[in-house]
Amino acid sequence: MDEKIKELSLLLLYLTSWEDNDDFITLKKSWKGYPFHILDELKEADYIRGNNSSKSVYLTEEGIEHAKKLADKYFAEKDLIKGQ
């Protein structure tokens, strides 16, 4: 069950993300309102990054690609995330 929670948390982070632009790079950021142990596991897998004092995290390229694969796994209608 923990693996599914981790997968769905990453997918929700992706689906609720926004693009944050600075002078050098565009990041997909999301609020980190998920269980800390799940966020820690996602950080260890290098799917997300961010510091502990911040209220948001950003998704790595690997995290974005994995979230897209999870969307294929969990959603029959791929149009739900087409714009992401």
Protein backbone atom coordinates (compact mmCIF):
# COMPACT_ATOMS: atom_id res chain seq x y z
CA MET A 1 0.00 0.00 0.00
CA ASP A 2 2.86 2.38 0.79
CA GLU A 3 4.14 2.09 -2.79
CA LYS A 4 0.74 3.09 -4.20
CA ILE A 5 0.56 6.05 -1.82
CA LYS A 6 4.02 7.12 -2.95
CA GLU A 7 3.05 6.79 -6.63
CA LEU A 8 -0.22 8.66 -6.19
CA SER A 9 1.47 11.39 -4.14
CA LEU A 10 3.98 11.97 -6.94
CA LEU A 11 1.15 12.00 -9.47
CA LEU A 12 -0.81 14.54 -7.40
CA LEU A 13 2.30 16.69 -6.96
CA TYR A 14 2.62 16.69 -10.75
CA LEU A 15 -1.07 17.32 -11.48
CA THR A 16 -1.26 20.24 -9.04
CA SER A 17 2.06 21.77 -10.07
CA TRP A 18 2.67 25.17 -11.63
CA GLU A 19 5.58 26.56 -13.59
CA ASP A 20 7.86 28.91 -11.70
CA ASN A 21 10.23 30.94 -13.88
CA ASP A 22 13.40 32.69 -12.88
CA ASP A 23 16.19 34.13 -15.00
CA PHE A 24 17.82 30.77 -15.67
CA ILE A 25 15.32 27.93 -15.51
CA THR A 26 11.63 27.01 -15.39
CA LEU A 27 10.66 24.62 -12.60
CA LYS A 28 7.45 22.68 -11.97
CA LYS A 29 6.63 23.39 -8.32
CA SER A 30 3.96 22.01 -6.03
CA TRP A 31 2.88 22.46 -2.42
CA LYS A 32 4.16 19.72 -0.17
CA GLY A 33 1.01 18.90 1.77
CA TYR A 34 1.69 15.18 1.85
CA PRO A 35 3.05 12.84 4.54
CA PHE A 36 6.67 13.70 5.25
CA HIS A 37 7.88 10.11 5.01
CA ILE A 38 6.43 9.90 1.48
CA LEU A 39 8.06 13.19 0.49
CA ASP A 40 11.35 11.91 1.92
CA GLU A 41 11.11 8.76 -0.20
CA LEU A 42 10.35 10.83 -3.32
CA LYS A 43 13.40 12.98 -2.55
CA GLU A 44 15.57 9.88 -2.10
CA ALA A 45 14.40 8.66 -5.52
CA ASP A 46 15.31 12.13 -6.90
CA TYR A 47 11.77 12.74 -8.15
CA ILE A 48 11.43 15.95 -6.15
CA ARG A 49 13.81 18.46 -4.59
CA GLY A 50 13.50 21.27 -2.10
CA ASN A 51 14.58 22.21 1.37
CA ASN A 52 12.77 21.32 4.57
CA SER A 53 11.88 24.91 5.47
CA SER A 54 10.12 25.60 2.16
CA LYS A 55 6.39 24.98 1.74
CA SER A 56 6.85 23.80 -1.83
CA VAL A 57 9.02 21.35 -3.74
CA TYR A 58 9.95 21.13 -7.38
CA LEU A 59 9.74 18.10 -9.61
CA THR A 60 12.90 16.89 -11.31
CA GLU A 61 12.88 15.87 -14.98
CA GLU A 62 12.97 12.25 -13.82
CA GLY A 63 10.04 12.94 -11.48
CA ILE A 64 8.00 14.52 -14.27
CA GLU A 65 8.65 11.57 -16.60
CA HIS A 66 7.78 9.06 -13.87
CA ALA A 67 4.58 10.98 -13.04
CA LYS A 68 3.55 10.84 -16.71
CA LYS A 69 4.04 7.05 -16.69
CA LEU A 70 1.98 6.83 -13.51
CA ALA A 71 -0.79 8.82 -15.20
CA ASP A 72 -0.85 6.21 -17.96
CA LYS A 73 -1.03 3.51 -15.29
CA TYR A 74 -3.82 5.06 -13.21
CA PHE A 75 -5.93 7.00 -15.73
CA ALA A 76 -7.91 5.54 -18.58
CA GLU A 77 -8.51 9.01 -20.04
CA LYS A 78 -5.15 10.52 -20.85
CA ASP A 79 -6.79 13.82 -21.79
CA LEU A 80 -6.95 14.65 -18.08
CA ILE A 81 -3.25 15.49 -18.06
CA LYS A 82 -2.66 16.33 -21.71
CA GLY A 83 -2.05 20.01 -20.92
CA GLN A 84 0.52 19.22 -18.22
